[in-house]
């Protein structure tokens, strides 16, 4: 049962001071008579008038209660609904080459990419998401999974130096495609993030894109790097030093990959733009939701209104006919 006007139920609170006032007045009006022996009086049966003495007040309280409930308009609800969610498969291909340590994004490109990608994963609970990392080689850090807590922890463990340096974009994309090609999910997506040009691996990026299109996989490519030069740490025999490197990569190839597969190309020049890119991809790849719902409300205030009228009628009868008093 629901109420169309639940605010009227607060009228029931008025009954508290009314009841307190009645009990106070009843106690104040009690008369006292001193008798030497009450045996005779206690043996006398109580009349009907004595039993009904407090009934009018009880009925008046009931009238107020039933009217308050009737004003709140109780309704009986018949409702059925069914919904089904269909998540999508997403493989994230992340570049972990040395240039991803450039500090034009804070604290560097790799850490910024990991943080934004982790937030993206947490915001999509219905999807199967996996992670492929690549540099000079590629391997699967996490297969497709709905256990996003595990995936986020694996993101945290990704760092430069896990695999041989270089940039094998084609190999990273092909690995991601291979991980989801047998999936029966209708919507399959790869998010490929890199800041370089393909210079390693046996698979050309365009060939990998053609393979992705064959399996109905869309690829969103994200190029990371500000315009101009960026500071990059370099390990030397004398410790870590910083060099200034041009922030350039093969945008043409990334655009072609996206166009071939029906995806889009984005460029992230700072932390804010990288976050907005993932938010845009999140909107483009919303989980499908089908909902069927039926509701029917039936007014149910009449029984409470009738009960109030009956109580009021009984109070009048008892107060003015059964407990009638004669006053001068």
C-alpha atoms as a PDB file:
ATOM      1  CA  UNK A   1       0.000   0.000   0.000  1.00  0.00           C
ATOM      2  CA  UNK A   2       1.189   3.500  -0.860  1.00  0.00           C
ATOM      3  CA  UNK A   3      -0.153   6.977  -0.062  1.00  0.00           C
ATOM      4  CA  UNK A   4      -0.831   9.723  -2.609  1.00  0.00           C
ATOM      5  CA  UNK A   5      -0.700  12.448   0.080  1.00  0.00           C
ATOM      6  CA  UNK A   6       1.488  11.008   2.866  1.00  0.00           C
ATOM      7  CA  UNK A   7       1.853  14.440   4.510  1.00  0.00           C
ATOM      8  CA  UNK A   8      -1.614  14.108   6.047  1.00  0.00           C
ATOM      9  CA  UNK A   9      -0.376  11.212   8.162  1.00  0.00           C
ATOM     10  CA  UNK A  10       1.357  13.783  10.359  1.00  0.00           C
ATOM     11  CA  UNK A  11      -2.135  14.681  11.646  1.00  0.00           C
ATOM     12  CA  UNK A  12      -1.919  11.469  13.657  1.00  0.00           C
ATOM     13  CA  UNK A  13       0.642  13.204  15.847  1.00  0.00           C
ATOM     14  CA  UNK A  14      -2.133  15.500  17.085  1.00  0.00           C
ATOM     15  CA  UNK A  15      -3.624  12.536  18.898  1.00  0.00           C
ATOM     16  CA  UNK A  16      -0.740  12.480  21.369  1.00  0.00           C
ATOM     17  CA  UNK A  17      -1.523  15.814  23.093  1.00  0.00           C
ATOM     18  CA  UNK A  18      -5.262  15.042  22.916  1.00  0.00           C
ATOM     19  CA  UNK A  19      -4.817  11.747  24.753  1.00  0.00           C
ATOM     20  CA  UNK A  20      -2.454  13.335  27.309  1.00  0.00           C
ATOM     21  CA  UNK A  21      -4.951  16.147  27.923  1.00  0.00           C
ATOM     22  CA  UNK A  22      -7.831  13.674  28.389  1.00  0.00           C
ATOM     23  CA  UNK A  23      -5.908  11.583  30.919  1.00  0.00           C
ATOM     24  CA  UNK A  24      -4.891  14.721  32.811  1.00  0.00           C
ATOM     25  CA  UNK A  25      -8.469  16.020  32.962  1.00  0.00           C
ATOM     26  CA  UNK A  26      -9.756  12.586  33.963  1.00  0.00           C
ATOM     27  CA  UNK A  27      -7.339  12.390  36.864  1.00  0.00           C
ATOM     28  CA  UNK A  28      -8.074  15.974  37.963  1.00  0.00           C
ATOM     29  CA  UNK A  29     -11.844  15.370  37.986  1.00  0.00           C
ATOM     30  CA  UNK A  30     -11.720  12.232  40.125  1.00  0.00           C
ATOM     31  CA  UNK A  31     -13.936  12.609  43.263  1.00  0.00           C
ATOM     32  CA  UNK A  32     -13.063  11.035  46.582  1.00  0.00           C
ATOM     33  CA  UNK A  33     -15.440   9.827  49.314  1.00  0.00           C
ATOM     34  CA  UNK A  34     -14.320   8.342  52.617  1.00  0.00           C
ATOM     35  CA  UNK A  35     -16.211   5.195  53.637  1.00  0.00           C
ATOM     36  CA  UNK A  36     -15.689   2.944  56.630  1.00  0.00           C
ATOM     37  CA  UNK A  37     -16.477  -0.183  54.609  1.00  0.00           C
ATOM     38  CA  UNK A  38     -16.543  -0.674  50.827  1.00  0.00           C
ATOM     39  CA  UNK A  39     -17.590  -4.329  50.836  1.00  0.00           C
ATOM     40  CA  UNK A  40     -21.185  -3.578  49.908  1.00  0.00           C
ATOM     41  CA  UNK A  41     -20.203  -1.209  47.108  1.00  0.00           C
ATOM     42  CA  UNK A  42     -17.622  -3.508  45.587  1.00  0.00           C
ATOM     43  CA  UNK A  43     -20.156  -6.319  45.456  1.00  0.00           C
ATOM     44  CA  UNK A  44     -22.480  -4.241  43.305  1.00  0.00           C
ATOM     45  CA  UNK A  45     -22.259  -4.968  39.530  1.00  0.00           C
ATOM     46  CA  UNK A  46     -21.123  -2.105  37.311  1.00  0.00           C
ATOM     47  CA  UNK A  47     -23.779  -0.705  35.051  1.00  0.00           C
ATOM     48  CA  UNK A  48     -23.479  -0.395  31.281  1.00  0.00           C
ATOM     49  CA  UNK A  49     -23.033   3.354  31.644  1.00  0.00           C
ATOM     50  CA  UNK A  50     -19.872   2.830  33.684  1.00  0.00           C
ATOM     51  CA  UNK A  51     -18.373   0.499  31.077  1.00  0.00           C
ATOM     52  CA  UNK A  52     -19.179   2.956  28.294  1.00  0.00           C
ATOM     53  CA  UNK A  53     -17.901   6.044  30.112  1.00  0.00           C
ATOM     54  CA  UNK A  54     -14.670   6.398  28.095  1.00  0.00           C
ATOM     55  CA  UNK A  55     -15.942   4.918  24.831  1.00  0.00           C
ATOM     56  CA  UNK A  56     -16.936   8.304  23.279  1.00  0.00           C
ATOM     57  CA  UNK A  57     -13.391   9.609  23.675  1.00  0.00           C
ATOM     58  CA  UNK A  58     -11.932   6.439  22.158  1.00  0.00           C
ATOM     59  CA  UNK A  59     -14.338   6.753  19.234  1.00  0.00           C
ATOM     60  CA  UNK A  60     -13.417  10.426  18.748  1.00  0.00           C
ATOM     61  CA  UNK A  61      -9.727   9.479  18.580  1.00  0.00           C
ATOM     62  CA  UNK A  62     -10.580   6.752  16.059  1.00  0.00           C
ATOM     63  CA  UNK A  63     -12.488   9.285  13.923  1.00  0.00           C
ATOM     64  CA  UNK A  64      -9.460  11.588  13.758  1.00  0.00           C
ATOM     65  CA  UNK A  65      -7.140   8.664  12.944  1.00  0.00           C
ATOM     66  CA  UNK A  66      -9.349   7.257  10.172  1.00  0.00           C
ATOM     67  CA  UNK A  67      -9.915  10.705   8.629  1.00  0.00           C
ATOM     68  CA  UNK A  68      -6.157  11.385   8.623  1.00  0.00           C
ATOM     69  CA  UNK A  69      -5.520   8.107   6.805  1.00  0.00           C
ATOM     70  CA  UNK A  70      -8.355   8.786   4.335  1.00  0.00           C
ATOM     71  CA  UNK A  71      -6.943  12.260   3.554  1.00  0.00           C
ATOM     72  CA  UNK A  72      -3.554  10.647   2.865  1.00  0.00           C
ATOM     73  CA  UNK A  73      -5.298   8.656   0.095  1.00  0.00           C
ATOM     74  CA  UNK A  74      -4.045   5.100   0.569  1.00  0.00           C
ATOM     75  CA  UNK A  75      -3.671   3.254  -2.711  1.00  0.00           C
ATOM     76  CA  UNK A  76      -3.223  -0.391  -3.575  1.00  0.00           C
ATOM     77  CA  UNK A  77      -0.552  -0.835  -6.240  1.00  0.00           C
ATOM     78  CA  UNK A  78      -0.391  -3.694  -8.700  1.00  0.00           C
ATOM     79  CA  UNK A  79       2.997  -3.499 -10.391  1.00  0.00           C
ATOM     80  CA  UNK A  80       5.148  -5.802 -12.441  1.00  0.00           C
ATOM     81  CA  UNK A  81       8.406  -4.931 -14.120  1.00  0.00           C
ATOM     82  CA  UNK A  82      11.227  -6.755 -15.773  1.00  0.00           C
ATOM     83  CA  UNK A  83      14.576  -5.480 -16.920  1.00  0.00           C
ATOM     84  CA  UNK A  84      17.609  -6.962 -18.561  1.00  0.00           C
ATOM     85  CA  UNK A  85      21.054  -5.446 -18.909  1.00  0.00           C
ATOM     86  CA  UNK A  86      23.509  -6.280 -21.618  1.00  0.00           C
ATOM     87  CA  UNK A  87      27.075  -5.310 -20.859  1.00  0.00           C
ATOM     88  CA  UNK A  88      29.734  -4.882 -23.495  1.00  0.00           C
ATOM     89  CA  UNK A  89      33.260  -6.279 -23.761  1.00  0.00           C
ATOM     90  CA  UNK A  90      36.087  -3.771 -23.507  1.00  0.00           C
ATOM     91  CA  UNK A  91      39.799  -4.505 -23.864  1.00  0.00           C
ATOM     92  CA  UNK A  92      42.125  -1.690 -22.889  1.00  0.00           C
ATOM     93  CA  UNK A  93      45.491  -1.673 -24.696  1.00  0.00           C
ATOM     94  CA  UNK A  94      47.982   0.490 -22.795  1.00  0.00           C
ATOM     95  CA  UNK A  95      51.380   1.646 -24.012  1.00  0.00           C
ATOM     96  CA  UNK A  96      54.068   1.194 -21.306  1.00  0.00           C
ATOM     97  CA  UNK A  97      57.098   2.301 -23.335  1.00  0.00           C
ATOM     98  CA  UNK A  98      59.739   4.686 -21.989  1.00  0.00           C
ATOM     99  CA  UNK A  99      58.211   7.816 -23.510  1.00  0.00           C
ATOM    100  CA  UNK A 100      55.090   7.235 -21.386  1.00  0.00           C
ATOM    101  CA  UNK A 101      57.184   8.540 -18.480  1.00  0.00           C
ATOM    102  CA  UNK A 102      57.115  12.032 -19.993  1.00  0.00           C
ATOM    103  CA  UNK A 103      55.871  14.557 -17.475  1.00  0.00           C
ATOM    104  CA  UNK A 104      53.657  16.779 -19.615  1.00  0.00           C
ATOM    105  CA  UNK A 105      50.787  14.933 -17.863  1.00  0.00           C
ATOM    106  CA  UNK A 106      51.027  14.710 -14.092  1.00  0.00           C
ATOM    107  CA  UNK A 107      52.777  12.911 -12.550  1.00  0.00           C
ATOM    108  CA  UNK A 108      53.547  11.369 -15.958  1.00  0.00           C
ATOM    109  CA  UNK A 109      51.660   9.999 -18.954  1.00  0.00           C
ATOM    110  CA  UNK A 110      51.601   6.416 -17.727  1.00  0.00           C
ATOM    111  CA  UNK A 111      50.347   7.167 -14.211  1.00  0.00           C
ATOM    112  CA  UNK A 112      47.733   9.604 -15.515  1.00  0.00           C
ATOM    113  CA  UNK A 113      46.498   6.990 -18.018  1.00  0.00           C
ATOM    114  CA  UNK A 114      46.312   4.322 -15.311  1.00  0.00           C
ATOM    115  CA  UNK A 115      44.291   6.550 -12.973  1.00  0.00           C
ATOM    116  CA  UNK A 116      41.770   7.699 -15.572  1.00  0.00           C
ATOM    117  CA  UNK A 117      41.370   4.170 -16.944  1.00  0.00           C
ATOM    118  CA  UNK A 118      40.763   2.816 -13.424  1.00  0.00           C
ATOM    119  CA  UNK A 119      38.007   5.380 -12.869  1.00  0.00           C
ATOM    120  CA  UNK A 120      36.494   4.373 -16.204  1.00  0.00           C
ATOM    121  CA  UNK A 121      36.474   0.709 -15.177  1.00  0.00           C
ATOM    122  CA  UNK A 122      34.800   1.403 -11.821  1.00  0.00           C
ATOM    123  CA  UNK A 123      32.046   3.413 -13.528  1.00  0.00           C
ATOM    124  CA  UNK A 124      31.003   0.459 -15.759  1.00  0.00           C
ATOM    125  CA  UNK A 125      29.936  -2.387 -13.446  1.00  0.00           C
ATOM    126  CA  UNK A 126      27.967  -4.321 -16.098  1.00  0.00           C
ATOM    127  CA  UNK A 127      30.817  -4.727 -18.564  1.00  0.00           C
ATOM    128  CA  UNK A 128      33.536  -7.309 -19.004  1.00  0.00           C
ATOM    129  CA  UNK A 129      36.815  -5.399 -19.169  1.00  0.00           C
ATOM    130  CA  UNK A 130      40.367  -6.607 -19.687  1.00  0.00           C
ATOM    131  CA  UNK A 131      43.838  -5.124 -20.008  1.00  0.00           C
ATOM    132  CA  UNK A 132      46.632  -5.634 -22.542  1.00  0.00           C
ATOM    133  CA  UNK A 133      49.947  -3.809 -22.184  1.00  0.00           C
ATOM    134  CA  UNK A 134      52.494  -3.312 -24.911  1.00  0.00           C
ATOM    135  CA  UNK A 135      55.862  -1.733 -25.591  1.00  0.00           C
ATOM    136  CA  UNK A 136      58.368  -3.623 -27.750  1.00  0.00           C
ATOM    137  CA  UNK A 137      56.238  -6.725 -27.079  1.00  0.00           C
ATOM    138  CA  UNK A 138      52.727  -7.300 -25.778  1.00  0.00           C
ATOM    139  CA  UNK A 139      51.030  -9.523 -23.206  1.00  0.00           C
ATOM    140  CA  UNK A 140      47.695  -9.753 -21.431  1.00  0.00           C
ATOM    141  CA  UNK A 141      47.780  -8.249 -17.967  1.00  0.00           C
ATOM    142  CA  UNK A 142      44.149  -9.230 -17.281  1.00  0.00           C
ATOM    143  CA  UNK A 143      41.656 -11.150 -19.459  1.00  0.00           C
ATOM    144  CA  UNK A 144      38.046 -10.006 -19.762  1.00  0.00           C
ATOM    145  CA  UNK A 145      36.483  -9.995 -16.310  1.00  0.00           C
ATOM    146  CA  UNK A 146      33.614  -8.514 -14.316  1.00  0.00           C
ATOM    147  CA  UNK A 147      35.766  -8.534 -11.169  1.00  0.00           C
ATOM    148  CA  UNK A 148      36.742  -4.912 -11.532  1.00  0.00           C
ATOM    149  CA  UNK A 149      38.427  -4.729  -8.130  1.00  0.00           C
ATOM    150  CA  UNK A 150      41.026  -7.218  -9.343  1.00  0.00           C
ATOM    151  CA  UNK A 151      41.446  -5.333 -12.613  1.00  0.00           C
ATOM    152  CA  UNK A 152      42.008  -2.017 -10.810  1.00  0.00           C
ATOM    153  CA  UNK A 153      44.675  -3.642  -8.625  1.00  0.00           C
ATOM    154  CA  UNK A 154      46.388  -4.992 -11.732  1.00  0.00           C
ATOM    155  CA  UNK A 155      46.361  -1.482 -13.203  1.00  0.00           C
ATOM    156  CA  UNK A 156      48.270  -0.284 -10.142  1.00  0.00           C
ATOM    157  CA  UNK A 157      50.988  -2.880 -10.723  1.00  0.00           C
ATOM    158  CA  UNK A 158      51.656  -1.762 -14.324  1.00  0.00           C
ATOM    159  CA  UNK A 159      54.943   0.097 -14.687  1.00  0.00           C
ATOM    160  CA  UNK A 160      57.674   0.892 -17.156  1.00  0.00           C
ATOM    161  CA  UNK A 161      60.245  -1.878 -17.636  1.00  0.00           C
ATOM    162  CA  UNK A 162      57.832  -4.808 -17.367  1.00  0.00           C
ATOM    163  CA  UNK A 163      58.576  -5.682 -20.994  1.00  0.00           C
ATOM    164  CA  UNK A 164      61.179  -4.760 -23.578  1.00  0.00           C
ATOM    165  CA  UNK A 165      61.057  -1.130 -24.644  1.00  0.00           C
ATOM    166  CA  UNK A 166      59.691  -0.008 -27.994  1.00  0.00           C
ATOM    167  CA  UNK A 167      56.257   0.666 -29.460  1.00  0.00           C
ATOM    168  CA  UNK A 168      54.472  -2.295 -31.066  1.00  0.00           C
ATOM    169  CA  UNK A 169      51.047  -0.755 -31.668  1.00  0.00           C
ATOM    170  CA  UNK A 170      49.982  -3.420 -34.177  1.00  0.00           C
ATOM    171  CA  UNK A 171      50.982  -6.228 -31.833  1.00  0.00           C
ATOM    172  CA  UNK A 172      49.188  -4.634 -28.863  1.00  0.00           C
ATOM    173  CA  UNK A 173      45.980  -4.182 -30.868  1.00  0.00           C
ATOM    174  CA  UNK A 174      46.135  -7.698 -32.298  1.00  0.00           C
ATOM    175  CA  UNK A 175      46.575  -9.137 -28.810  1.00  0.00           C
ATOM    176  CA  UNK A 176      43.522  -7.224 -27.571  1.00  0.00           C
ATOM    177  CA  UNK A 177      41.458  -8.404 -30.557  1.00  0.00           C
ATOM    178  CA  UNK A 178      42.538 -11.998 -29.992  1.00  0.00           C
ATOM    179  CA  UNK A 179      41.322 -11.820 -26.388  1.00  0.00           C
ATOM    180  CA  UNK A 180      37.768 -10.919 -27.398  1.00  0.00           C
ATOM    181  CA  UNK A 181      37.258 -12.366 -30.894  1.00  0.00           C
ATOM    182  CA  UNK A 182      35.369 -15.410 -29.581  1.00  0.00           C
ATOM    183  CA  UNK A 183      33.078 -13.402 -27.319  1.00  0.00           C
ATOM    184  CA  UNK A 184      29.348 -13.701 -28.039  1.00  0.00           C
ATOM    185  CA  UNK A 185      28.660 -10.200 -26.748  1.00  0.00           C
ATOM    186  CA  UNK A 186      27.105  -8.023 -29.439  1.00  0.00           C
ATOM    187  CA  UNK A 187      29.200  -4.949 -28.660  1.00  0.00           C
ATOM    188  CA  UNK A 188      33.009  -5.270 -28.472  1.00  0.00           C
ATOM    189  CA  UNK A 189      35.398  -2.371 -28.033  1.00  0.00           C
ATOM    190  CA  UNK A 190      39.149  -1.790 -27.782  1.00  0.00           C
ATOM    191  CA  UNK A 191      40.535   1.407 -26.233  1.00  0.00           C
ATOM    192  CA  UNK A 192      44.123   1.783 -27.424  1.00  0.00           C
ATOM    193  CA  UNK A 193      46.279   4.424 -25.742  1.00  0.00           C
ATOM    194  CA  UNK A 194      49.777   5.269 -26.941  1.00  0.00           C
ATOM    195  CA  UNK A 195      52.186   8.184 -27.326  1.00  0.00           C
ATOM    196  CA  UNK A 196      54.425   6.782 -30.047  1.00  0.00           C
ATOM    197  CA  UNK A 197      54.747   5.425 -33.558  1.00  0.00           C
ATOM    198  CA  UNK A 198      54.819   1.746 -34.429  1.00  0.00           C
ATOM    199  CA  UNK A 199      58.468   0.642 -34.549  1.00  0.00           C
ATOM    200  CA  UNK A 200      58.401  -2.935 -33.278  1.00  0.00           C
ATOM    201  CA  UNK A 201      56.412  -6.114 -33.718  1.00  0.00           C
ATOM    202  CA  UNK A 202      55.536  -8.385 -36.619  1.00  0.00           C
ATOM    203  CA  UNK A 203      51.999  -7.066 -37.135  1.00  0.00           C
ATOM    204  CA  UNK A 204      51.284  -3.820 -38.933  1.00  0.00           C
ATOM    205  CA  UNK A 205      48.752  -1.566 -37.144  1.00  0.00           C
ATOM    206  CA  UNK A 206      46.514  -1.368 -40.219  1.00  0.00           C
ATOM    207  CA  UNK A 207      46.507  -5.157 -40.531  1.00  0.00           C
ATOM    208  CA  UNK A 208      45.466  -5.408 -36.890  1.00  0.00           C
ATOM    209  CA  UNK A 209      42.686  -2.891 -37.551  1.00  0.00           C
ATOM    210  CA  UNK A 210      41.399  -4.971 -40.455  1.00  0.00           C
ATOM    211  CA  UNK A 211      41.323  -8.029 -38.212  1.00  0.00           C
ATOM    212  CA  UNK A 212      39.376  -6.061 -35.589  1.00  0.00           C
ATOM    213  CA  UNK A 213      36.826  -4.980 -38.182  1.00  0.00           C
ATOM    214  CA  UNK A 214      36.406  -8.594 -39.306  1.00  0.00           C
ATOM    215  CA  UNK A 215      35.330  -9.559 -35.797  1.00  0.00           C
ATOM    216  CA  UNK A 216      33.056  -6.524 -35.391  1.00  0.00           C
ATOM    217  CA  UNK A 217      35.322  -4.808 -32.871  1.00  0.00           C
ATOM    218  CA  UNK A 218      35.379  -1.005 -32.666  1.00  0.00           C
ATOM    219  CA  UNK A 219      38.689   0.624 -31.758  1.00  0.00           C
ATOM    220  CA  UNK A 220      38.941   3.970 -29.992  1.00  0.00           C
ATOM    221  CA  UNK A 221      42.487   5.288 -30.282  1.00  0.00           C
ATOM    222  CA  UNK A 222      43.901   7.829 -27.842  1.00  0.00           C
ATOM    223  CA  UNK A 223      47.121   9.681 -28.597  1.00  0.00           C
ATOM    224  CA  UNK A 224      48.786  11.062 -25.466  1.00  0.00           C
ATOM    225  CA  UNK A 225      51.152  14.019 -25.463  1.00  0.00           C
ATOM    226  CA  UNK A 226      51.218  17.801 -25.364  1.00  0.00           C
ATOM    227  CA  UNK A 227      52.270  19.898 -28.322  1.00  0.00           C
ATOM    228  CA  UNK A 228      55.945  20.816 -28.397  1.00  0.00           C
ATOM    229  CA  UNK A 229      58.536  19.223 -26.132  1.00  0.00           C
ATOM    230  CA  UNK A 230      58.146  17.286 -22.911  1.00  0.00           C
ATOM    231  CA  UNK A 231      60.566  16.376 -20.141  1.00  0.00           C
ATOM    232  CA  UNK A 232      61.427  12.655 -20.133  1.00  0.00           C
ATOM    233  CA  UNK A 233      63.508  10.873 -17.452  1.00  0.00           C
ATOM    234  CA  UNK A 234      66.419   8.781 -18.734  1.00  0.00           C
ATOM    235  CA  UNK A 235      68.475   6.302 -16.703  1.00  0.00           C
ATOM    236  CA  UNK A 236      72.238   6.774 -17.153  1.00  0.00           C
ATOM    237  CA  UNK A 237      75.320   5.263 -15.449  1.00  0.00           C
ATOM    238  CA  UNK A 238      75.354   8.430 -13.343  1.00  0.00           C
ATOM    239  CA  UNK A 239      71.714   8.126 -12.272  1.00  0.00           C
ATOM    240  CA  UNK A 240      68.441   9.426 -13.636  1.00  0.00           C
ATOM    241  CA  UNK A 241      68.570  12.537 -15.774  1.00  0.00           C
ATOM    242  CA  UNK A 242      65.974  14.438 -17.754  1.00  0.00           C
ATOM    243  CA  UNK A 243      66.023  15.236 -21.449  1.00  0.00           C
ATOM    244  CA  UNK A 244      63.628  17.278 -23.551  1.00  0.00           C
ATOM    245  CA  UNK A 245      61.972  15.218 -26.292  1.00  0.00           C
ATOM    246  CA  UNK A 246      59.568  16.183 -29.065  1.00  0.00           C
ATOM    247  CA  UNK A 247      55.992  15.158 -28.245  1.00  0.00           C
ATOM    248  CA  UNK A 248      55.186  13.704 -31.641  1.00  0.00           C
ATOM    249  CA  UNK A 249      53.600  10.428 -32.668  1.00  0.00           C
ATOM    250  CA  UNK A 250      51.897   8.864 -35.664  1.00  0.00           C
ATOM    251  CA  UNK A 251      48.433  10.437 -35.485  1.00  0.00           C
ATOM    252  CA  UNK A 252      47.693   9.393 -39.056  1.00  0.00           C
ATOM    253  CA  UNK A 253      47.938   5.709 -38.174  1.00  0.00           C
ATOM    254  CA  UNK A 254      45.789   6.134 -35.068  1.00  0.00           C
ATOM    255  CA  UNK A 255      43.102   7.932 -37.072  1.00  0.00           C
ATOM    256  CA  UNK A 256      43.171   5.228 -39.751  1.00  0.00           C
ATOM    257  CA  UNK A 257      42.761   2.481 -37.161  1.00  0.00           C
ATOM    258  CA  UNK A 258      39.740   4.225 -35.666  1.00  0.00           C
ATOM    259  CA  UNK A 259      38.136   4.930 -39.060  1.00  0.00           C
ATOM    260  CA  UNK A 260      38.675   1.348 -40.245  1.00  0.00           C
ATOM    261  CA  UNK A 261      36.870  -0.133 -37.258  1.00  0.00           C
ATOM    262  CA  UNK A 262      34.102   2.446 -36.840  1.00  0.00           C
ATOM    263  CA  UNK A 263      35.638   4.003 -33.739  1.00  0.00           C
ATOM    264  CA  UNK A 264      37.083   7.463 -33.094  1.00  0.00           C
ATOM    265  CA  UNK A 265      40.485   9.043 -32.569  1.00  0.00           C
ATOM    266  CA  UNK A 266      41.193  11.385 -29.642  1.00  0.00           C
ATOM    267  CA  UNK A 267      44.237  13.352 -28.512  1.00  0.00           C
ATOM    268  CA  UNK A 268      44.967  13.997 -24.843  1.00  0.00           C
ATOM    269  CA  UNK A 269      47.327  16.896 -24.190  1.00  0.00           C
ATOM    270  CA  UNK A 270      46.837  17.082 -20.417  1.00  0.00           C
ATOM    271  CA  UNK A 271      45.135  15.301 -17.530  1.00  0.00           C
ATOM    272  CA  UNK A 272      41.863  17.142 -18.016  1.00  0.00           C
ATOM    273  CA  UNK A 273      41.532  16.318 -21.707  1.00  0.00           C
ATOM    274  CA  UNK A 274      42.422  12.667 -21.043  1.00  0.00           C
ATOM    275  CA  UNK A 275      39.631  12.444 -18.455  1.00  0.00           C
ATOM    276  CA  UNK A 276      37.141  14.054 -20.832  1.00  0.00           C
ATOM    277  CA  UNK A 277      38.072  11.571 -23.560  1.00  0.00           C
ATOM    278  CA  UNK A 278      37.219   8.610 -21.338  1.00  0.00           C
ATOM    279  CA  UNK A 279      33.980  10.316 -20.305  1.00  0.00           C
ATOM    280  CA  UNK A 280      33.094  10.740 -23.976  1.00  0.00           C
ATOM    281  CA  UNK A 281      33.849   7.092 -24.726  1.00  0.00           C
ATOM    282  CA  UNK A 282      31.734   6.158 -21.709  1.00  0.00           C
ATOM    283  CA  UNK A 283      28.792   8.040 -23.243  1.00  0.00           C
ATOM    284  CA  UNK A 284      29.351   6.528 -26.692  1.00  0.00           C
ATOM    285  CA  UNK A 285      29.400   2.992 -25.312  1.00  0.00           C
ATOM    286  CA  UNK A 286      26.546   3.033 -22.813  1.00  0.00           C
ATOM    287  CA  UNK A 287      25.328  -0.334 -21.564  1.00  0.00           C
ATOM    288  CA  UNK A 288      22.043  -1.352 -23.173  1.00  0.00           C
ATOM    289  CA  UNK A 289      19.101  -1.488 -20.782  1.00  0.00           C
ATOM    290  CA  UNK A 290      15.638  -2.854 -21.529  1.00  0.00           C
ATOM    291  CA  UNK A 291      12.884  -2.143 -19.016  1.00  0.00           C
ATOM    292  CA  UNK A 292       9.206  -3.146 -19.081  1.00  0.00           C
ATOM    293  CA  UNK A 293       7.059  -1.796 -16.300  1.00  0.00           C
ATOM    294  CA  UNK A 294       3.332  -1.754 -15.548  1.00  0.00           C
ATOM    295  CA  UNK A 295       1.681  -0.006 -12.622  1.00  0.00           C
ATOM    296  CA  UNK A 296      -1.953   0.253 -11.559  1.00  0.00           C
ATOM    297  CA  UNK A 297      -3.060   2.312  -8.567  1.00  0.00           C
ATOM    298  CA  UNK A 298      -6.444   1.643  -6.926  1.00  0.00           C
ATOM    299  CA  UNK A 299      -7.812   4.214  -4.486  1.00  0.00           C
ATOM    300  CA  UNK A 300      -8.414   2.645  -1.085  1.00  0.00           C
ATOM    301  CA  UNK A 301      -9.459   5.612   1.085  1.00  0.00           C
ATOM    302  CA  UNK A 302     -13.180   4.710   1.146  1.00  0.00           C
ATOM    303  CA  UNK A 303     -12.974   2.014   3.892  1.00  0.00           C
ATOM    304  CA  UNK A 304     -11.206   4.458   6.204  1.00  0.00           C
ATOM    305  CA  UNK A 305     -13.770   7.182   5.467  1.00  0.00           C
ATOM    306  CA  UNK A 306     -16.636   4.805   6.187  1.00  0.00           C
ATOM    307  CA  UNK A 307     -14.948   3.672   9.389  1.00  0.00           C
ATOM    308  CA  UNK A 308     -14.649   7.326  10.506  1.00  0.00           C
ATOM    309  CA  UNK A 309     -18.356   7.943   9.820  1.00  0.00           C
ATOM    310  CA  UNK A 310     -19.366   4.804  11.732  1.00  0.00           C
ATOM    311  CA  UNK A 311     -17.211   5.770  14.720  1.00  0.00           C
ATOM    312  CA  UNK A 312     -18.665   9.282  14.671  1.00  0.00           C
ATOM    313  CA  UNK A 313     -22.207   7.913  14.566  1.00  0.00           C
ATOM    314  CA  UNK A 314     -21.516   5.519  17.462  1.00  0.00           C
ATOM    315  CA  UNK A 315     -20.006   8.352  19.494  1.00  0.00           C
ATOM    316  CA  UNK A 316     -23.114  10.493  18.999  1.00  0.00           C
ATOM    317  CA  UNK A 317     -25.418   7.635  19.975  1.00  0.00           C
ATOM    318  CA  UNK A 318     -23.454   6.731  23.099  1.00  0.00           C
ATOM    319  CA  UNK A 319     -22.761  10.303  24.203  1.00  0.00           C
ATOM    320  CA  UNK A 320     -26.232  11.758  23.681  1.00  0.00           C
ATOM    321  CA  UNK A 321     -28.518   8.775  24.178  1.00  0.00           C
ATOM    322  CA  UNK A 322     -26.789   6.159  26.350  1.00  0.00           C
ATOM    323  CA  UNK A 323     -24.759   8.533  28.553  1.00  0.00           C
ATOM    324  CA  UNK A 324     -27.278  11.349  28.405  1.00  0.00           C
ATOM    325  CA  UNK A 325     -27.214  13.714  31.369  1.00  0.00           C
ATOM    326  CA  UNK A 326     -29.925  16.089  32.595  1.00  0.00           C
ATOM    327  CA  UNK A 327     -28.797  19.554  33.486  1.00  0.00           C
ATOM    328  CA  UNK A 328     -30.802  22.299  35.113  1.00  0.00           C
END
